C-alpha atoms as a PDB file:
ATOM      1  CA  MET A   1      10.748   8.116  -1.386  1.00  0.00           C
ATOM      2  CA  ALA A   2       8.377   9.737   0.931  1.00  0.00           C
ATOM      3  CA  LEU A   3       9.001   7.108   3.658  1.00  0.00           C
ATOM      4  CA  ILE A   4      12.420   8.058   3.989  1.00  0.00           C
ATOM      5  CA  ASN A   5      11.218  11.355   5.395  1.00  0.00           C
ATOM      6  CA  ASN A   6       8.987   9.782   7.891  1.00  0.00           C
ATOM      7  CA  GLN A   7      11.273  10.064  11.211  1.00  0.00           C
ATOM      8  CA  GLY A   8      11.278   6.532  11.420  1.00  0.00           C
ATOM      9  CA  GLU A   9       7.784   6.275  13.025  1.00  0.00           C
ATOM     10  CA  PRO A  10       4.614   4.614  11.923  1.00  0.00           C
ATOM     11  CA  ILE A  11       1.230   6.600  11.323  1.00  0.00           C
ATOM     12  CA  SER A  12      -1.908   5.836  13.546  1.00  0.00           C
ATOM     13  CA  LYS A  13      -5.435   5.439  12.551  1.00  0.00           C
ATOM     14  CA  TRP A  14      -6.233   8.621  14.122  1.00  0.00           C
ATOM     15  CA  TRP A  15      -3.766  10.725  12.362  1.00  0.00           C
ATOM     16  CA  VAL A  16      -4.747   9.039   8.965  1.00  0.00           C
ATOM     17  CA  THR A  17      -8.195  10.417   9.869  1.00  0.00           C
ATOM     18  CA  LYS A  18      -7.333  13.460  11.188  1.00  0.00           C
ATOM     19  CA  GLY A  19      -5.367  14.132   8.070  1.00  0.00           C
ATOM     20  CA  LEU A  20      -7.989  13.702   5.582  1.00  0.00           C
ATOM     21  CA  GLN A  21     -10.293  15.444   7.573  1.00  0.00           C
ATOM     22  CA  VAL A  22      -8.012  18.758   7.676  1.00  0.00           C
ATOM     23  CA  ILE A  23      -6.726  18.437   4.340  1.00  0.00           C
ATOM     24  CA  LYS A  24     -10.123  18.113   2.606  1.00  0.00           C
ATOM     25  CA  ILE A  25     -10.746  22.031   3.683  1.00  0.00           C
ATOM     26  CA  ASP A  26      -7.090  23.472   4.226  1.00  0.00           C
ATOM     27  CA  ARG A  27      -5.042  22.678   1.357  1.00  0.00           C
ATOM     28  CA  HIS A  28      -2.068  24.560   3.417  1.00  0.00           C
ATOM     29  CA  ILE A  29      -2.115  23.131   6.525  1.00  0.00           C
ATOM     30  CA  PHE A  30       1.380  21.472   5.858  1.00  0.00           C
ATOM     31  CA  SER A  31       2.929  24.965   5.004  1.00  0.00           C
ATOM     32  CA  SER A  32       5.537  26.094   7.114  1.00  0.00           C
ATOM     33  CA  SER A  33       3.818  29.506   7.916  1.00  0.00           C
ATOM     34  CA  ASN A  34       0.850  26.902   9.595  1.00  0.00           C
ATOM     35  CA  LEU A  35       3.193  25.189  11.675  1.00  0.00           C
ATOM     36  CA  ARG A  36       1.548  26.443  14.977  1.00  0.00           C
ATOM     37  CA  ARG A  37      -1.956  25.551  13.630  1.00  0.00           C
ATOM     38  CA  ALA A  38      -0.985  22.275  12.232  1.00  0.00           C
ATOM     39  CA  ARG A  39       0.542  21.131  15.539  1.00  0.00           C
ATOM     40  CA  CYS A  40      -2.436  22.260  17.343  1.00  0.00           C
ATOM     41  CA  GLU A  41      -4.591  19.988  14.707  1.00  0.00           C
ATOM     42  CA  PHE A  42      -2.670  16.969  14.699  1.00  0.00           C
ATOM     43  CA  ILE A  43      -1.699  17.217  18.568  1.00  0.00           C
ATOM     44  CA  ALA A  44       2.043  16.388  17.289  1.00  0.00           C
ATOM     45  CA  GLY A  45       5.582  18.120  17.255  1.00  0.00           C
ATOM     46  CA  SER A  46       7.384  19.162  13.958  1.00  0.00           C
ATOM     47  CA  ASN A  47       8.982  16.047  13.530  1.00  0.00           C
ATOM     48  CA  ARG A  48       5.804  13.986  13.625  1.00  0.00           C
ATOM     49  CA  LEU A  49       3.969  16.424  11.084  1.00  0.00           C
ATOM     50  CA  GLY A  50       6.662  15.017   8.841  1.00  0.00           C
ATOM     51  CA  THR A  51       5.630  11.485   9.831  1.00  0.00           C
ATOM     52  CA  ILE A  52       2.240  12.249   8.924  1.00  0.00           C
ATOM     53  CA  LYS A  53       2.702  14.132   5.931  1.00  0.00           C
ATOM     54  CA  SER A  54       4.874  11.148   4.523  1.00  0.00           C
ATOM     55  CA  TRP A  55       2.704   8.491   5.096  1.00  0.00           C
ATOM     56  CA  LEU A  56      -0.725  10.193   3.508  1.00  0.00           C
ATOM     57  CA  SER A  57       1.818  10.884   0.490  1.00  0.00           C
ATOM     58  CA  ALA A  58       3.328   7.425   0.174  1.00  0.00           C
ATOM     59  CA  ALA A  59      -0.336   6.198   0.497  1.00  0.00           C
ATOM     60  CA  GLN A  60      -1.472   8.109  -2.627  1.00  0.00           C
ATOM     61  CA  LEU A  61      -4.150   9.713  -0.349  1.00  0.00           C
ATOM     62  CA  ILE A  62      -2.708  13.166  -0.806  1.00  0.00           C
ATOM     63  CA  ASP A  63      -0.512  14.984  -3.108  1.00  0.00           C
ATOM     64  CA  ASN A  64       0.811  18.478  -4.012  1.00  0.00           C
ATOM     65  CA  SER A  65       1.419  17.816  -7.879  1.00  0.00           C
ATOM     66  CA  ARG A  66      -1.030  20.923  -8.988  1.00  0.00           C
ATOM     67  CA  ASN A  67       1.165  22.969  -6.729  1.00  0.00           C
ATOM     68  CA  SER A  68       4.386  22.291  -4.446  1.00  0.00           C
ATOM     69  CA  ARG A  69       2.882  24.517  -1.685  1.00  0.00           C
ATOM     70  CA  GLU A  70      -0.570  22.869  -1.170  1.00  0.00           C
ATOM     71  CA  TYR A  71      -1.528  19.055  -0.368  1.00  0.00           C
ATOM     72  CA  GLU A  72      -5.090  18.142  -1.650  1.00  0.00           C
ATOM     73  CA  LEU A  73      -6.868  14.781  -1.337  1.00  0.00           C
ATOM     74  CA  THR A  74      -6.495  12.710  -4.102  1.00  0.00           C
ATOM     75  CA  ASP A  75      -9.161  10.551  -5.812  1.00  0.00           C
ATOM     76  CA  PHE A  76      -8.278   7.822  -3.564  1.00  0.00           C
ATOM     77  CA  GLY A  77      -8.204  10.351  -0.643  1.00  0.00           C
ATOM     78  CA  LEU A  78     -11.989  11.573  -1.351  1.00  0.00           C
ATOM     79  CA  ALA A  79     -13.028   7.863  -1.865  1.00  0.00           C
ATOM     80  CA  VAL A  80     -12.150   6.755   1.594  1.00  0.00           C
ATOM     81  CA  SER A  81     -13.347  10.298   3.064  1.00  0.00           C
ATOM     82  CA  ASN A  82     -16.913   9.789   1.407  1.00  0.00           C
ATOM     83  CA  ASN A  83     -17.101   5.991   1.889  1.00  0.00           C
ATOM     84  CA  ASP A  84     -15.400   5.744   5.433  1.00  0.00           C
ATOM     85  CA  SER A  85     -14.836   8.739   7.131  1.00  0.00           C
ATOM     86  CA  ARG A  86     -14.036   7.297  10.480  1.00  0.00           C
ATOM     87  CA  LEU A  87     -11.519   4.641   8.669  1.00  0.00           C
ATOM     88  CA  ASP A  88     -13.401   1.924  10.821  1.00  0.00           C
ATOM     89  CA  LYS A  89     -13.317  -0.625   7.508  1.00  0.00           C
ATOM     90  CA  SER A  90     -10.939  -3.302   6.685  1.00  0.00           C
ATOM     91  CA  ALA A  91     -11.409  -2.862   3.254  1.00  0.00           C
ATOM     92  CA  THR A  92     -10.163   1.130   3.777  1.00  0.00           C
ATOM     93  CA  TRP A  93      -6.992  -0.453   5.232  1.00  0.00           C
ATOM     94  CA  TRP A  94      -6.492  -3.045   2.302  1.00  0.00           C
ATOM     95  CA  ALA A  95      -6.877  -0.308  -0.053  1.00  0.00           C
ATOM     96  CA  PHE A  96      -4.362   1.348   1.966  1.00  0.00           C
ATOM     97  CA  HIS A  97      -1.812  -1.134   1.963  1.00  0.00           C
ATOM     98  CA  LEU A  98      -2.305  -1.618  -1.782  1.00  0.00           C
ATOM     99  CA  ALA A  99      -1.812   1.860  -2.570  1.00  0.00           C
ATOM    100  CA  LEU A 100       1.519   1.713  -0.684  1.00  0.00           C
ATOM    101  CA  CYS A 101       2.377  -1.662  -2.435  1.00  0.00           C
ATOM    102  CA  PHE A 102       1.940   0.144  -5.837  1.00  0.00           C
ATOM    103  CA  SER A 103       3.323   3.798  -5.188  1.00  0.00           C
ATOM    104  CA  GLU A 104       6.292   5.716  -6.968  1.00  0.00           C
ATOM    105  CA  ASP A 105       7.465   6.656  -3.521  1.00  0.00           C
ATOM    106  CA  SER A 106       6.500   4.367  -0.879  1.00  0.00           C
ATOM    107  CA  GLN A 107       9.613   2.436  -0.450  1.00  0.00           C
ATOM    108  CA  PRO A 108      10.924   0.222   1.509  1.00  0.00           C
ATOM    109  CA  TYR A 109       7.318  -0.782   1.955  1.00  0.00           C
ATOM    110  CA  PRO A 110       6.867  -2.665  -1.239  1.00  0.00           C
ATOM    111  CA  SER A 111      10.112  -4.349  -1.093  1.00  0.00           C
ATOM    112  CA  PHE A 112       9.788  -5.087   2.628  1.00  0.00           C
ATOM    113  CA  PHE A 113       6.751  -7.552   1.459  1.00  0.00           C
ATOM    114  CA  THR A 114       8.983  -9.026  -1.662  1.00  0.00           C
ATOM    115  CA  SER A 115      11.651  -9.843   0.536  1.00  0.00           C
ATOM    116  CA  LEU A 116       9.668 -12.451   2.400  1.00  0.00           C
ATOM    117  CA  GLU A 117       9.296 -15.833   1.569  1.00  0.00           C
ATOM    118  CA  ASN A 118       5.816 -16.419   0.132  1.00  0.00           C
ATOM    119  CA  VAL A 119       5.750 -20.101  -0.176  1.00  0.00           C
ATOM    120  CA  SER A 120       6.919 -21.459   3.061  1.00  0.00           C
ATOM    121  CA  LYS A 121       6.448 -18.156   4.915  1.00  0.00           C
ATOM    122  CA  ASP A 122       9.531 -19.166   6.888  1.00  0.00           C
ATOM    123  CA  TRP A 123      10.786 -16.668   9.691  1.00  0.00           C
ATOM    124  CA  VAL A 124      13.024 -13.773   8.469  1.00  0.00           C
ATOM    125  CA  LYS A 125      15.042 -11.497  10.871  1.00  0.00           C
ATOM    126  CA  THR A 126      14.697  -8.109  10.318  1.00  0.00           C
ATOM    127  CA  LYS A 127      18.352  -7.312  10.221  1.00  0.00           C
ATOM    128  CA  ASP A 128      18.831  -9.630   7.068  1.00  0.00           C
ATOM    129  CA  ILE A 129      15.936  -7.940   5.168  1.00  0.00           C
ATOM    130  CA  PHE A 130      17.922  -4.629   6.129  1.00  0.00           C
ATOM    131  CA  SER A 131      20.936  -6.303   4.653  1.00  0.00           C
ATOM    132  CA  LYS A 132      19.375  -7.089   1.536  1.00  0.00           C
ATOM    133  CA  LEU A 133      17.757  -3.505   0.806  1.00  0.00           C
ATOM    134  CA  LEU A 134      20.820  -1.667   1.839  1.00  0.00           C
ATOM    135  CA  GLY A 135      22.449   0.023  -1.073  1.00  0.00           C
ATOM    136  CA  THR A 136      19.310  -0.631  -3.211  1.00  0.00           C
ATOM    137  CA  PHE A 137      17.638   2.716  -3.497  1.00  0.00           C
ATOM    138  CA  LYS A 138      19.365   6.116  -4.357  1.00  0.00           C
ATOM    139  CA  GLN A 139      18.960   9.458  -3.720  1.00  0.00           C
ATOM    140  CA  GLU A 140      18.673  12.344  -6.416  1.00  0.00           C
ATOM    141  CA  ASN A 141      22.098  12.850  -6.662  1.00  0.00           C
ATOM    142  CA  GLY A 142      22.819   9.009  -7.000  1.00  0.00           C
ATOM    143  CA  ASP A 143      24.189   8.285  -3.699  1.00  0.00           C
ATOM    144  CA  SER A 144      22.935   5.495  -1.612  1.00  0.00           C
ATOM    145  CA  TYR A 145      21.151   6.179   1.613  1.00  0.00           C
ATOM    146  CA  SER A 146      22.635   5.968   4.919  1.00  0.00           C
ATOM    147  CA  ASP A 147      22.540   3.060   6.893  1.00  0.00           C
ATOM    148  CA  SER A 148      21.025   4.678   9.667  1.00  0.00           C
ATOM    149  CA  THR A 149      18.294   6.305   7.292  1.00  0.00           C
ATOM    150  CA  MET A 150      17.289   2.921   5.928  1.00  0.00           C
ATOM    151  CA  GLU A 151      16.958   1.262   9.057  1.00  0.00           C
ATOM    152  CA  SER A 152      14.747   3.829  10.410  1.00  0.00           C
ATOM    153  CA  ALA A 153      12.792   3.864   7.177  1.00  0.00           C
ATOM    154  CA  LEU A 154      12.571  -0.080   7.576  1.00  0.00           C
ATOM    155  CA  SER A 155      11.788   0.021  11.357  1.00  0.00           C
ATOM    156  CA  SER A 156       8.799   2.525  10.611  1.00  0.00           C
ATOM    157  CA  VAL A 157       7.244   0.117   8.043  1.00  0.00           C
ATOM    158  CA  ARG A 158       7.718  -2.963  10.364  1.00  0.00           C
ATOM    159  CA  ARG A 159       6.009  -0.992  13.155  1.00  0.00           C
ATOM    160  CA  MET A 160       2.897  -0.334  11.371  1.00  0.00           C
ATOM    161  CA  PHE A 161       1.969  -4.200  11.910  1.00  0.00           C
ATOM    162  CA  LYS A 162       2.545  -4.180  15.274  1.00  0.00           C
ATOM    163  CA  ASP A 163       0.473  -3.282  18.648  1.00  0.00           C
ATOM    164  CA  ASP A 164      -2.675  -1.278  18.001  1.00  0.00           C
ATOM    165  CA  ARG A 165      -1.871  -0.161  14.392  1.00  0.00           C
ATOM    166  CA  PRO A 166      -4.361  -0.637  11.762  1.00  0.00           C
ATOM    167  CA  LEU A 167      -2.394  -2.676   9.427  1.00  0.00           C
ATOM    168  CA  GLY A 168      -1.590  -4.987  12.230  1.00  0.00           C
ATOM    169  CA  ASP A 169      -5.271  -6.531  12.501  1.00  0.00           C
ATOM    170  CA  LEU A 170      -5.567  -7.299   8.867  1.00  0.00           C
ATOM    171  CA  GLY A 171      -3.018 -10.365   9.187  1.00  0.00           C
ATOM    172  CA  LEU A 172      -0.574  -9.043   6.529  1.00  0.00           C
ATOM    173  CA  ILE A 173       2.298  -9.820   8.701  1.00  0.00           C
ATOM    174  CA  GLU A 174       3.035 -11.701  11.636  1.00  0.00           C
ATOM    175  CA  THR A 175       6.023 -10.732  14.250  1.00  0.00           C
ATOM    176  CA  GLN A 176       7.721 -12.622  16.765  1.00  0.00           C
ATOM    177  CA  GLY A 177      10.598 -10.560  18.698  1.00  0.00           C
ATOM    178  CA  ASP A 178      12.864  -9.543  15.964  1.00  0.00           C
ATOM    179  CA  ASN A 179      11.529 -11.981  13.158  1.00  0.00           C
ATOM    180  CA  VAL A 180       8.721 -11.340  10.587  1.00  0.00           C
ATOM    181  CA  ARG A 181       6.934 -13.195   7.824  1.00  0.00           C
ATOM    182  CA  LEU A 182       3.908 -13.000   5.794  1.00  0.00           C
ATOM    183  CA  GLY A 183       0.758 -13.785   7.218  1.00  0.00           C
ATOM    184  CA  SER A 184      -2.402 -15.496   6.097  1.00  0.00           C
ATOM    185  CA  PRO A 185      -4.951 -12.816   5.738  1.00  0.00           C
ATOM    186  CA  LYS A 186      -8.545 -13.498   4.460  1.00  0.00           C
ATOM    187  CA  LEU A 187      -8.509 -12.378   0.872  1.00  0.00           C
ATOM    188  CA  THR A 188     -12.014 -11.442  -0.792  1.00  0.00           C
ATOM    189  CA  ASP A 189     -12.640 -11.180  -4.716  1.00  0.00           C
ATOM    190  CA  GLU A 190     -13.024  -7.415  -4.129  1.00  0.00           C
ATOM    191  CA  ILE A 191      -9.415  -7.316  -2.444  1.00  0.00           C
ATOM    192  CA  ILE A 192      -7.971  -9.215  -5.359  1.00  0.00           C
ATOM    193  CA  ALA A 193      -9.779  -7.239  -8.025  1.00  0.00           C
ATOM    194  CA  HIS A 194      -8.530  -3.881  -6.596  1.00  0.00           C
ATOM    195  CA  ALA A 195      -4.937  -5.359  -6.281  1.00  0.00           C
ATOM    196  CA  VAL A 196      -5.098  -6.258 -10.056  1.00  0.00           C
ATOM    197  CA  ALA A 197      -6.227  -2.860 -11.090  1.00  0.00           C
ATOM    198  CA  ARG A 198      -3.770  -1.336  -8.835  1.00  0.00           C
ATOM    199  CA  MET A 199      -1.090  -3.457 -10.156  1.00  0.00           C
ATOM    200  CA  LYS A 200      -2.052  -2.714 -14.001  1.00  0.00           C
ATOM    201  CA  PHE A 201      -2.150   1.095 -13.414  1.00  0.00           C
ATOM    202  CA  HIS A 202       1.036   0.989 -12.090  1.00  0.00           C
ATOM    203  CA  CYS A 203       3.012  -1.390 -13.870  1.00  0.00           C
ATOM    204  CA  PHE A 204       1.253  -2.309 -17.132  1.00  0.00           C
ATOM    205  CA  LYS A 205      -0.728   1.192 -17.762  1.00  0.00           C
ATOM    206  CA  SER A 206      -0.554   1.096 -21.898  1.00  0.00           C
ATOM    207  CA  ARG A 207      -0.649  -2.815 -21.878  1.00  0.00           C
ATOM    208  CA  PRO A 208      -3.992  -4.808 -22.674  1.00  0.00           C
ATOM    209  CA  SER A 209      -2.699  -8.176 -21.257  1.00  0.00           C
ATOM    210  CA  VAL A 210       0.197  -9.571 -19.690  1.00  0.00           C
ATOM    211  CA  SER A 211       1.589 -12.929 -19.204  1.00  0.00           C
ATOM    212  CA  PHE A 212       1.031 -14.342 -15.683  1.00  0.00           C
ATOM    213  CA  SER A 213       4.981 -14.625 -15.114  1.00  0.00           C
ATOM    214  CA  GLU A 214       5.153 -10.678 -15.572  1.00  0.00           C
ATOM    215  CA  VAL A 215       2.428 -10.528 -13.045  1.00  0.00           C
ATOM    216  CA  THR A 216       4.491 -12.405 -10.616  1.00  0.00           C
ATOM    217  CA  GLN A 217       7.479 -10.193 -11.127  1.00  0.00           C
ATOM    218  CA  THR A 218       5.248  -7.160  -9.935  1.00  0.00           C
ATOM    219  CA  GLY A 219       5.245  -8.700  -6.239  1.00  0.00           C
ATOM    220  CA  LEU A 220       1.321  -9.205  -6.709  1.00  0.00           C
ATOM    221  CA  ALA A 221       1.431 -12.423  -4.727  1.00  0.00           C
ATOM    222  CA  HIS A 222       3.622 -11.324  -2.019  1.00  0.00           C
ATOM    223  CA  PHE A 223       1.359  -8.044  -1.640  1.00  0.00           C
ATOM    224  CA  LEU A 224      -1.801 -10.442  -1.155  1.00  0.00           C
ATOM    225  CA  CYS A 225       0.606 -12.749   1.196  1.00  0.00           C
ATOM    226  CA  SER A 226      -0.227 -15.482  -1.074  1.00  0.00           C
ATOM    227  CA  SER A 227       2.332 -17.820  -3.291  1.00  0.00           C
ATOM    228  CA  ASN A 228       2.262 -17.476  -7.080  1.00  0.00           C
ATOM    229  CA  ASP A 229       0.162 -20.611  -7.440  1.00  0.00           C
ATOM    230  CA  GLU A 230      -2.636 -19.447  -4.863  1.00  0.00           C
ATOM    231  CA  LEU A 231      -2.758 -16.240  -6.683  1.00  0.00           C
ATOM    232  CA  ARG A 232      -3.264 -18.399  -9.948  1.00  0.00           C
ATOM    233  CA  LYS A 233      -6.118 -20.232  -8.232  1.00  0.00           C
ATOM    234  CA  HIS A 234      -7.581 -16.807  -7.241  1.00  0.00           C
ATOM    235  CA  LEU A 235      -7.730 -15.493 -10.764  1.00  0.00           C
ATOM    236  CA  ARG A 236      -8.640 -18.659 -12.293  1.00  0.00           C
ATOM    237  CA  ARG A 237     -11.544 -18.910 -10.165  1.00  0.00           C
ATOM    238  CA  MET A 238     -12.746 -15.344 -10.377  1.00  0.00           C
ATOM    239  CA  GLU A 239     -12.552 -16.202 -14.122  1.00  0.00           C
ATOM    240  CA  GLN A 240     -15.596 -18.157 -13.923  1.00  0.00           C
ATOM    241  CA  SER A 241     -17.613 -15.540 -12.336  1.00  0.00           C
ATOM    242  CA  ASN A 242     -19.607 -13.238 -14.297  1.00  0.00           C
ATOM    243  CA  ASN A 243     -18.690 -10.710 -11.768  1.00  0.00           C
ATOM    244  CA  TRP A 244     -15.461  -9.552 -12.891  1.00  0.00           C
ATOM    245  CA  LYS A 245     -15.436  -9.982 -16.567  1.00  0.00           C
ATOM    246  CA  GLY A 246     -15.002  -6.193 -16.830  1.00  0.00           C
ATOM    247  CA  CYS A 247     -12.461  -6.082 -14.791  1.00  0.00           C
ATOM    248  CA  PHE A 248      -9.917  -8.994 -16.144  1.00  0.00           C
ATOM    249  CA  THR A 249      -9.807 -12.319 -17.927  1.00  0.00           C
ATOM    250  CA  PHE A 250      -7.428 -15.352 -17.125  1.00  0.00           C
ATOM    251  CA  THR A 251      -6.070 -17.426 -19.827  1.00  0.00           C
ATOM    252  CA  GLU A 252      -4.700 -20.574 -19.169  1.00  0.00           C
ATOM    253  CA  ALA A 253      -2.540 -21.989 -22.138  1.00  0.00           C
ATOM    254  CA  VAL A 254       0.246 -24.479 -22.609  1.00  0.00           C
ATOM    255  CA  ASN A 255       3.357 -22.615 -22.281  1.00  0.00           C
ATOM    256  CA  VAL A 256       1.808 -19.584 -20.787  1.00  0.00           C
ATOM    257  CA  ASP A 257      -1.127 -18.173 -18.617  1.00  0.00           C
ATOM    258  CA  SER A 258      -1.956 -14.559 -19.348  1.00  0.00           C
ATOM    259  CA  VAL A 259      -4.026 -11.851 -17.770  1.00  0.00           C
ATOM    260  CA  SER A 260      -6.215  -9.432 -19.968  1.00  0.00           C
ATOM    261  CA  PHE A 261      -7.333  -6.342 -18.651  1.00  0.00           C
ATOM    262  CA  GLY A 262     -11.226  -4.832 -19.058  1.00  0.00           C
ATOM    263  CA  ASP A 263     -12.462  -1.353 -19.058  1.00  0.00           C
ATOM    264  CA  GLU A 264     -13.412  -1.823 -15.533  1.00  0.00           C
ATOM    265  CA  CYS A 265      -9.702  -2.913 -14.453  1.00  0.00           C
ATOM    266  CA  ASP A 266      -9.430   0.932 -13.192  1.00  0.00           C
ATOM    267  CA  PRO A 267      -8.492   1.454  -9.546  1.00  0.00           C
ATOM    268  CA  HIS A 268     -10.945   4.334  -9.537  1.00  0.00           C
ATOM    269  CA  SER A 269     -13.716   1.888  -9.804  1.00  0.00           C
ATOM    270  CA  THR A 270     -12.394  -1.009  -7.889  1.00  0.00           C
ATOM    271  CA  VAL A 271     -11.654   0.832  -4.997  1.00  0.00           C
ATOM    272  CA  LEU A 272     -15.304   2.027  -4.784  1.00  0.00           C
ATOM    273  CA  LYS A 273     -16.541  -1.680  -5.068  1.00  0.00           C
ATOM    274  CA  LEU A 274     -13.923  -2.300  -2.240  1.00  0.00           C
ATOM    275  CA  LEU A 275     -15.079   0.235  -0.187  1.00  0.00           C
ATOM    276  CA  GLN A 276     -19.036  -0.173  -0.522  1.00  0.00           C
ATOM    277  CA  SER A 277     -19.088  -3.831  -0.945  1.00  0.00           C
ATOM    278  CA  GLY A 278     -16.000  -5.345   0.806  1.00  0.00           C
ATOM    279  CA  GLU A 279     -16.290  -8.180   3.214  1.00  0.00           C
ATOM    280  CA  ASP A 280     -15.007  -7.587   6.854  1.00  0.00           C
ATOM    281  CA  THR A 281     -11.685  -9.194   7.005  1.00  0.00           C
ATOM    282  CA  TRP A 282     -10.597  -7.918  10.465  1.00  0.00           C
ATOM    283  CA  LEU A 283      -8.897 -10.882  12.450  1.00  0.00           C
END
C-alpha cells in the first residue's frame, strides 16, 4: 500500500511531471544519499519526497522491482513521458486514474470509488467511507492500520479531486463540503478500451473470457463513474464497431453476458491509443 506512506498529501501535476523527467535520467534520486539533491529538484521537504514517490509508485509510473535502491520508469511511465511530457492531455490523467484503480498497492484509492453509489450517485459523507474501510487493510504483520493512518491516506485521495488538482478537472468526483459522490465524466471509446485492458491484465491475466457479472465485481463501472447498465451499453455499442474487435467482444446471452479478450487487449497497446488518439475530455 504505497499510498499509506504519502504523508496524507495529494500529488500535483508539477511533481508528477518533474518526477518523470528526473527519474528518466537518474534512478537514484530517491536514495538516502541523494536527499539534498532530491529536495532541490522537487523543491520539497523530505516528507513531500515520500509523498511524490508514493503516488508515482501507486500509479505504476515508476518501480524498483529490479533493484530496491533504484527507481526507473515503467513502460507506462515511458509512454506518458514520450507522448505527453508536459502532462497536459486529459487522456494522460485518465490513464493515471485507471492505473491507480488497477494497482497492487494503491489502496485506498480503488476502494474510495467502489464505496460510492454508482446508480443514483447519492452524496456520501467522507466519515462514512472511512468507517466502511476502517480495518479492511492489513499490514504485513497482519495488524490493521491505525485510524489516523487510514484517515490520512483517505484524505489524500479525496483531495486529489479538489481545487487545482488535475484529476479534479476530469469530473470523476464531485465534492460538497464533507460530502462526495461519483461524477459524470465524458467517456470515450479509448478510455473504456484501456480500462478493460487494465482490468484484464490486473484481474484476469490468464482468462480468455469472463462473465459480465465478474467484470462488475472488479469495480470497473465505479472506476468509469457509470452504472453497470451504462457500462453494458458502452460495451455493446463498441462491440458493433470494427475498431475494437481486436481488443474485446461482448456477447449477450439469455442467462449470462460475457466479455472475450482479444490479442490487442493489452494495456501497453491501449494506453498508446488513448494517449495518441484520445479525445479531450477536460471539463
